[in-house]
Protein backbone atom coordinates (compact mmCIF):
# COMPACT_ATOMS: atom_id res chain seq x y z
CA MET A 1 -8.48 -19.71 -17.14
CA ILE A 2 -10.22 -18.08 -14.21
CA ASN A 3 -11.75 -21.03 -12.40
CA ARG A 4 -13.76 -21.46 -9.23
CA GLU A 5 -10.69 -21.84 -7.07
CA ILE A 6 -9.50 -18.35 -8.01
CA ILE A 7 -13.04 -16.98 -7.74
CA ARG A 8 -13.49 -18.35 -4.21
CA ILE A 9 -10.17 -16.83 -3.14
CA LYS A 10 -11.14 -13.44 -4.53
CA ILE A 11 -14.59 -13.51 -2.96
CA VAL A 12 -13.10 -14.31 0.45
CA GLN A 13 -10.77 -11.33 0.07
CA LEU A 14 -13.39 -8.94 -1.31
CA THR A 15 -16.09 -9.93 1.18
CA TYR A 16 -13.71 -9.34 4.07
CA ALA A 17 -12.75 -5.97 2.57
CA TYR A 18 -16.43 -5.13 2.01
CA TYR A 19 -17.19 -5.41 5.72
CA GLN A 20 -14.00 -3.60 6.72
CA ASN A 21 -14.78 -0.76 4.33
CA GLY A 22 -17.19 1.89 5.55
CA ASN A 23 -18.56 2.42 2.02
CA LYS A 24 -20.78 -0.64 1.54
CA ASN A 25 -21.79 -0.20 -2.08
CA ILE A 26 -22.36 -3.67 -3.48
CA ASP A 27 -22.17 -2.52 -7.11
CA ALA A 28 -18.78 -0.93 -6.50
CA ALA A 29 -17.64 -4.01 -4.60
CA GLU A 30 -18.73 -6.27 -7.47
CA LYS A 31 -16.83 -4.10 -9.92
CA GLU A 32 -13.75 -4.44 -7.72
CA LEU A 33 -14.22 -8.22 -7.68
CA PHE A 34 -14.14 -8.48 -11.46
CA PHE A 35 -11.21 -6.09 -11.67
CA SER A 36 -9.34 -8.30 -9.22
CA LEU A 37 -10.15 -11.38 -11.31
CA SER A 38 -8.90 -9.63 -14.45
CA LYS A 39 -5.61 -8.96 -12.69
CA ALA A 40 -5.18 -12.71 -12.18
CA TYR A 41 -5.38 -13.09 -15.95
CA ASP A 42 -2.84 -10.29 -16.34
CA LEU A 43 -0.49 -12.27 -14.10
CA TYR A 44 -0.92 -15.34 -16.31
CA ASN A 45 0.20 -13.30 -19.33
CA GLN A 46 3.06 -11.67 -17.45
CA LEU A 47 4.44 -15.05 -16.37
CA LEU A 48 4.37 -16.25 -19.97
CA ALA A 49 6.12 -13.02 -20.93
CA LEU A 50 8.82 -13.80 -18.36
CA ILE A 51 9.87 -16.79 -20.47
CA VAL A 52 10.23 -14.44 -23.43
CA ALA A 53 12.26 -11.95 -21.36
CA ILE A 54 14.68 -14.66 -20.22
CA THR A 55 15.08 -15.82 -23.82
CA ARG A 56 15.83 -12.28 -24.99
CA GLU A 57 18.43 -11.93 -22.25
CA SER A 58 20.07 -15.15 -23.43
CA GLN A 59 20.07 -13.82 -27.00
CA ARG A 60 21.73 -10.58 -25.90
CA ARG A 61 24.47 -12.43 -24.03
CA HIS A 62 24.93 -14.91 -26.86
CA GLU A 63 25.60 -12.07 -29.31
CA VAL A 64 28.29 -10.72 -26.98
CA LEU A 65 29.94 -14.13 -26.59
CA GLN A 66 29.67 -14.80 -30.31
CA GLY A 67 31.43 -11.51 -31.10
CA LYS A 68 34.16 -12.31 -28.59
CA ALA A 69 34.67 -15.78 -30.11
CA LEU A 70 35.03 -14.24 -33.58
CA ARG A 71 37.59 -11.73 -32.36
CA GLU A 72 39.61 -14.33 -30.47
CA GLY A 73 39.21 -17.13 -32.99
CA THR A 74 37.71 -19.48 -30.41
CA ALA A 75 34.78 -21.87 -30.69
CA ALA A 76 31.38 -20.21 -31.04
CA PRO A 77 29.01 -20.63 -28.08
CA SER A 78 26.08 -23.00 -28.39
CA ALA A 79 22.99 -21.38 -29.88
CA LYS A 80 20.67 -24.17 -28.82
CA PHE A 81 19.03 -22.29 -25.95
CA VAL A 82 18.61 -19.00 -27.81
CA ASN A 83 17.01 -20.89 -30.69
CA ASN A 84 14.63 -22.85 -28.47
CA ARG A 85 11.60 -23.30 -30.72
CA PHE A 86 9.00 -23.18 -27.99
CA ALA A 87 10.36 -19.92 -26.56
CA LEU A 88 10.58 -18.31 -30.01
CA GLN A 89 7.03 -19.40 -30.79
CA LEU A 90 5.86 -17.87 -27.52
CA GLU A 91 7.74 -14.66 -28.29
CA SER A 92 5.87 -14.31 -31.59
CA ASN A 93 2.48 -15.30 -30.15
CA GLU A 94 -0.13 -12.83 -31.35
CA GLN A 95 -2.25 -12.87 -28.20
CA LEU A 96 0.72 -12.36 -25.91
CA ARG A 97 2.12 -9.55 -28.07
CA GLU A 98 -1.26 -7.78 -28.06
CA PHE A 99 -1.39 -8.05 -24.26
CA LEU A 100 2.13 -6.67 -23.81
CA GLU A 101 1.34 -3.68 -26.03
CA THR A 102 -1.23 -2.58 -23.43
CA GLN A 103 1.13 -2.84 -20.45
CA LYS A 104 3.05 0.09 -19.00
CA ARG A 105 5.54 -2.18 -17.21
CA GLN A 106 7.65 -4.70 -19.07
CA TRP A 107 10.15 -7.26 -17.83
CA SER A 108 12.82 -5.18 -19.55
CA ASP A 109 12.29 -2.68 -16.72
CA TYR A 110 13.94 -5.21 -14.38
CA PRO A 111 17.25 -6.05 -16.10
CA GLU A 112 19.08 -7.08 -12.92
CA PHE A 113 16.40 -9.57 -11.96
CA ILE A 114 16.20 -11.05 -15.46
CA GLY A 115 19.99 -11.25 -15.71
CA LEU A 116 20.31 -13.04 -12.36
CA LEU A 117 17.51 -15.44 -13.22
CA PHE A 118 19.13 -16.34 -16.53
CA GLU A 119 22.46 -16.93 -14.80
CA GLN A 120 20.78 -19.32 -12.34
CA ILE A 121 19.24 -21.18 -15.26
CA GLU A 122 22.50 -21.26 -17.22
CA GLN A 123 24.37 -22.74 -14.27
CA SER A 124 21.78 -25.45 -13.62
CA GLN A 125 22.06 -29.13 -14.47
CA ILE A 126 18.78 -28.88 -16.38
CA TYR A 127 20.34 -26.34 -18.75
CA GLN A 128 23.59 -28.28 -19.15
CA ASP A 129 21.76 -31.54 -19.86
CA TYR A 130 19.69 -29.76 -22.51
CA ILE A 131 22.70 -28.18 -24.22
CA ASN A 132 24.58 -31.48 -24.27
CA ASP A 133 21.63 -33.61 -25.35
CA LYS A 134 21.87 -34.68 -28.98
CA GLU A 135 18.10 -34.71 -29.31
CA ASP A 136 16.97 -31.68 -31.27
CA SER A 137 13.20 -31.46 -31.36
CA TYR A 138 10.34 -29.11 -30.60
CA ALA A 139 9.13 -31.53 -27.90
CA ALA A 140 12.51 -31.36 -26.14
CA ASP A 141 12.52 -27.56 -26.37
CA ARG A 142 9.05 -27.36 -24.84
CA GLU A 143 9.90 -29.87 -22.12
CA LEU A 144 12.96 -27.83 -21.18
CA TRP A 145 10.79 -24.83 -20.40
CA ARG A 146 8.35 -26.92 -18.40
CA LYS A 147 11.27 -28.05 -16.21
CA LEU A 148 12.78 -24.57 -15.98
CA TYR A 149 9.46 -23.02 -15.03
CA ARG A 150 8.84 -25.55 -12.26
CA THR A 151 12.38 -25.15 -10.92
CA PHE A 152 13.13 -21.43 -11.23
CA ILE A 153 9.82 -19.59 -11.58
CA GLN A 154 7.19 -21.57 -9.71
CA GLU A 155 9.10 -21.33 -6.41
CA ASN A 156 11.03 -18.08 -6.47
CA GLU A 157 10.93 -15.71 -3.49
CA ASP A 158 12.61 -12.88 -5.38
CA LEU A 159 9.99 -13.15 -8.11
CA ASP A 160 7.21 -13.24 -5.52
CA SER A 161 8.51 -10.01 -4.00
CA LEU A 162 8.78 -8.36 -7.40
CA LEU A 163 5.23 -9.36 -8.34
CA GLU A 164 3.92 -8.07 -5.03
CA GLU A 165 5.62 -4.76 -5.81
CA GLN A 166 3.95 -4.65 -9.23
CA SER A 167 0.43 -5.44 -8.02
CA LEU A 168 -1.17 -6.03 -4.64
CA TYR A 169 -3.77 -8.17 -6.42
CA TRP A 170 -1.15 -10.80 -7.17
CA ASN A 171 -0.30 -11.67 -3.55
CA ASP A 172 -2.35 -14.86 -3.48
CA ASP A 173 -2.74 -15.58 -7.18
CA LYS A 174 0.60 -16.94 -8.28
CA GLU A 175 0.34 -20.48 -6.89
CA VAL A 176 -2.88 -21.10 -8.82
CA VAL A 177 -1.80 -19.19 -11.94
CA ASP A 178 1.44 -21.22 -12.11
CA THR A 179 -0.63 -24.32 -12.83
CA PHE A 180 -2.24 -22.59 -15.80
CA VAL A 181 1.11 -21.47 -17.20
CA LEU A 182 2.39 -25.05 -17.03
CA LYS A 183 -0.82 -26.24 -18.66
CA THR A 184 -0.29 -23.71 -21.46
CA ILE A 185 3.29 -24.85 -22.06
CA LYS A 186 2.08 -28.43 -22.37
CA ARG A 187 -0.64 -27.41 -24.86
CA PHE A 188 1.65 -25.58 -27.28
CA GLU A 189 2.06 -27.19 -30.70
CA GLU A 190 4.67 -26.16 -33.24
CA LYS A 191 2.23 -26.32 -36.16
CA ASN A 192 0.13 -23.51 -34.65
CA GLY A 193 2.93 -20.96 -34.96
CA ASP A 194 2.14 -17.46 -33.71
CA LYS A 195 -1.58 -18.22 -33.69
CA GLN A 196 -1.33 -20.76 -30.87
CA GLU A 197 -4.26 -20.02 -28.56
CA LEU A 198 -3.53 -19.06 -24.96
CA LEU A 199 -6.04 -19.89 -22.26
CA PRO A 200 -9.06 -17.53 -22.37
CA GLU A 201 -9.73 -15.23 -19.42
CA TYR A 202 -12.88 -17.23 -18.63
CA ASP A 203 -13.64 -20.72 -19.85
CA SER A 204 -17.29 -19.71 -20.21
CA GLU A 205 -19.82 -17.08 -19.21
CA GLU A 206 -20.93 -19.57 -16.55
CA GLU A 207 -17.83 -18.78 -14.46
CA ARG A 208 -18.51 -15.04 -14.55
CA ASP A 209 -22.10 -15.74 -13.54
CA TYR A 210 -20.89 -17.98 -10.70
CA ALA A 211 -18.67 -15.18 -9.36
CA ARG A 212 -21.41 -12.58 -9.58
CA ARG A 213 -24.12 -14.74 -7.99
CA LEU A 214 -21.93 -16.09 -5.20
CA PHE A 215 -20.67 -12.65 -4.20
CA ARG A 216 -24.12 -11.06 -4.25
CA ALA A 217 -25.74 -13.97 -2.37
CA THR A 218 -23.04 -13.71 0.30
CA ILE A 219 -23.60 -10.00 0.86
CA LEU A 220 -27.37 -9.72 0.37
CA ASN A 221 -28.20 -12.65 2.67
CA THR A 222 -25.75 -11.83 5.45
CA ASN A 223 -28.34 -11.82 8.25
CA ASP A 224 -29.97 -15.07 7.12
CA TYR A 225 -26.65 -16.92 6.83
CA GLN A 226 -25.34 -15.70 10.16
CA ARG A 227 -28.64 -16.72 11.78
CA MET A 228 -28.15 -20.20 10.30
CA MET A 229 -24.68 -20.31 11.86
CA THR A 230 -26.08 -19.35 15.25
CA GLU A 231 -28.91 -21.90 15.10
CA ALA A 232 -26.59 -24.72 14.09
CA SER A 233 -23.76 -23.93 16.51
CA HIS A 234 -25.09 -25.64 19.66
CA ASN A 235 -22.00 -27.86 19.91
CA TRP A 236 -19.59 -25.13 18.90
CA ASP A 237 -18.40 -22.00 20.70
CA PHE A 238 -19.46 -19.48 18.08
CA SER A 239 -17.85 -16.60 19.99
CA ARG A 240 -14.41 -18.23 19.65
CA LEU A 241 -14.46 -18.09 15.87
CA ALA A 242 -12.24 -15.52 14.19
CA TYR A 243 -14.03 -12.91 12.08
CA MET A 244 -12.48 -14.42 8.93
CA ASP A 245 -13.98 -17.80 9.91
CA VAL A 246 -17.44 -16.25 9.90
CA ILE A 247 -16.77 -14.71 6.47
CA ILE A 248 -15.57 -18.03 5.05
CA MET A 249 -18.58 -19.93 6.40
CA GLN A 250 -20.95 -17.25 5.15
CA ILE A 251 -19.60 -17.65 1.61
CA ALA A 252 -19.73 -21.44 1.92
CA ILE A 253 -23.40 -21.32 2.95
CA ALA A 254 -24.10 -18.96 0.06
CA GLU A 255 -22.57 -21.50 -2.32
CA MET A 256 -24.57 -24.37 -0.77
CA MET A 257 -27.81 -22.45 -1.04
CA THR A 258 -27.28 -20.84 -4.47
CA PHE A 259 -25.74 -23.63 -6.56
CA PRO A 260 -27.65 -26.93 -6.34
CA SER A 261 -25.27 -28.62 -8.80
CA ILE A 262 -22.25 -28.24 -6.49
CA PRO A 263 -22.11 -31.13 -3.98
CA ILE A 264 -22.12 -30.11 -0.33
CA SER A 265 -18.89 -32.04 0.31
CA VAL A 266 -17.11 -30.08 -2.44
CA THR A 267 -18.18 -26.75 -0.95
CA ILE A 268 -17.10 -27.73 2.56
CA ASN A 269 -13.74 -29.09 1.42
CA GLU A 270 -12.95 -26.02 -0.69
CA PHE A 271 -13.66 -23.52 2.07
CA VAL A 272 -11.93 -25.57 4.75
CA GLU A 273 -8.82 -25.47 2.56
CA LEU A 274 -9.13 -21.69 2.18
CA SER A 275 -9.37 -21.31 5.96
CA LYS A 276 -5.92 -22.89 6.30
CA PHE A 277 -4.45 -19.91 4.43
CA TYR A 278 -6.65 -17.06 5.61
CA SER A 279 -7.47 -17.76 9.23
CA THR A 280 -6.07 -19.25 12.45
CA PRO A 281 -4.36 -22.66 12.80
CA ARG A 282 -7.45 -24.07 14.55
CA SER A 283 -9.94 -22.65 12.08
CA ALA A 284 -10.02 -25.60 9.66
CA GLY A 285 -11.35 -27.98 12.32
CA TYR A 286 -13.98 -25.51 13.54
CA ILE A 287 -15.13 -24.63 10.05
CA ASN A 288 -15.30 -28.24 8.90
CA GLY A 289 -17.44 -29.22 11.89
CA MET A 290 -19.61 -26.12 11.75
CA LEU A 291 -20.32 -26.36 8.03
CA ASP A 292 -21.17 -30.07 8.31
CA THR A 293 -23.55 -29.32 11.18
CA ILE A 294 -25.08 -26.37 9.32
CA ALA A 295 -25.58 -28.41 6.14
CA ARG A 296 -27.29 -31.22 8.03
CA HIS A 297 -29.51 -28.74 9.84
CA LEU A 298 -30.49 -27.05 6.57
CA VAL A 299 -31.24 -30.37 4.87
CA ALA A 300 -33.25 -31.63 7.87
CA THR A 301 -35.35 -28.45 7.97
CA GLY A 302 -35.94 -28.42 4.22
CA GLN A 303 -33.96 -25.23 3.63
CA LEU A 304 -31.35 -27.04 1.55
CA LEU A 305 -32.63 -29.39 -1.14
CA LYS A 306 -29.62 -31.52 -1.98
CA PRO A 307 -28.19 -34.61 -0.32
CA ILE A 308 -25.27 -34.81 2.09
CA GLU A 309 -22.70 -37.33 0.90
CA GLU A 310 -21.87 -39.63 3.78
CA LYS A 311 -18.20 -40.29 4.36
CA LYS A 312 -17.15 -43.81 3.47
CA GLN A 313 -15.97 -46.02 6.30
CA GLN A 314 -12.23 -46.68 6.17
C-alpha cells in the first residue's frame, strides 16, 4: 500500500524536522521515518474499520426499531443495510480483526461521531435509493459502500479533525490513503469470505529500500546538493527561496542522482506538486525552473547519467 507518493511526503516532512531538530542522529531519524510510514498503514486499517463501526451502529438502531415495531404491531424496518454483504464480510475479515485487537482506541470510543455519521448516511438519497432498489446482490452491496465512502468519508471535516486528534502522523495522509481504501472496496470478492486479502503494508521490499536510500542520500549529501543548487541558480534568486523549497529541491536532486530508473520529468513533477502543499504560492514555479536548470546542468557536466525528456510542442 505504501507507495512512492506517501514516501515522498514523509521524507519531505522528516527531512524538514531533521534540520529543525538539534539532535541530528540519522539512524534515529530513519527510524522515525519508518514509524511514520507504518502509521499511514494504520490509518488505512482504521478507515476500513470505520465502515464496520457504521454498520454496527446501524445494527444497534435496527434492533431498537425492530423491537418497537413488534410492540406496536407495525411493519418491521428494512434490514437491507444491516445485512449488507460487503460490510459483513469486512467485519469478519481476519486481517482487519487482528489489526483491531492491537489497537487501544476503537471507533466505539466515539459514539456521538459514529451516530451522527450514520444519520447523515441514512438521510441521504444514496441510502434511500439502495433500500428501495429491488436488486439484491453482493455487487450492489459493495457499490453502495464505494459511493458512501466517497460521499461521507473521503471529504469529511469532522472526521479529519478526529483523525488529527488521534494521531499527528495522519495530518497529510488521508487524501492518499482514501484512494487505497476505495481500491480495496473494489477488490473485495464474496467468494473470499473472511480471508479476503487487504493491501499489504508495502507492495515489495523495493519500496522500503527506496525510502531508506532516498532519505539517507538527502541527508548525507546535503552539502553537495546545495552546492549544485547554487551553481545552477544563475537565472534564479536563490536567496528568495523559502527554506522548505530548498528541502524539497534537495530531496528531488537526491532522487535524480540515486535512482537512474526514475525519469527526470517524473521526479520534477512529483516534487513540484508537493511544493504546492508545503511551501509558498510562488514556490511551484521557482522549483520547476530550478530543478529543470539543475538537471540540465548535471547532465551537461556528466554528473547525471540519464536523459532529460524534452517537452512536446503543443
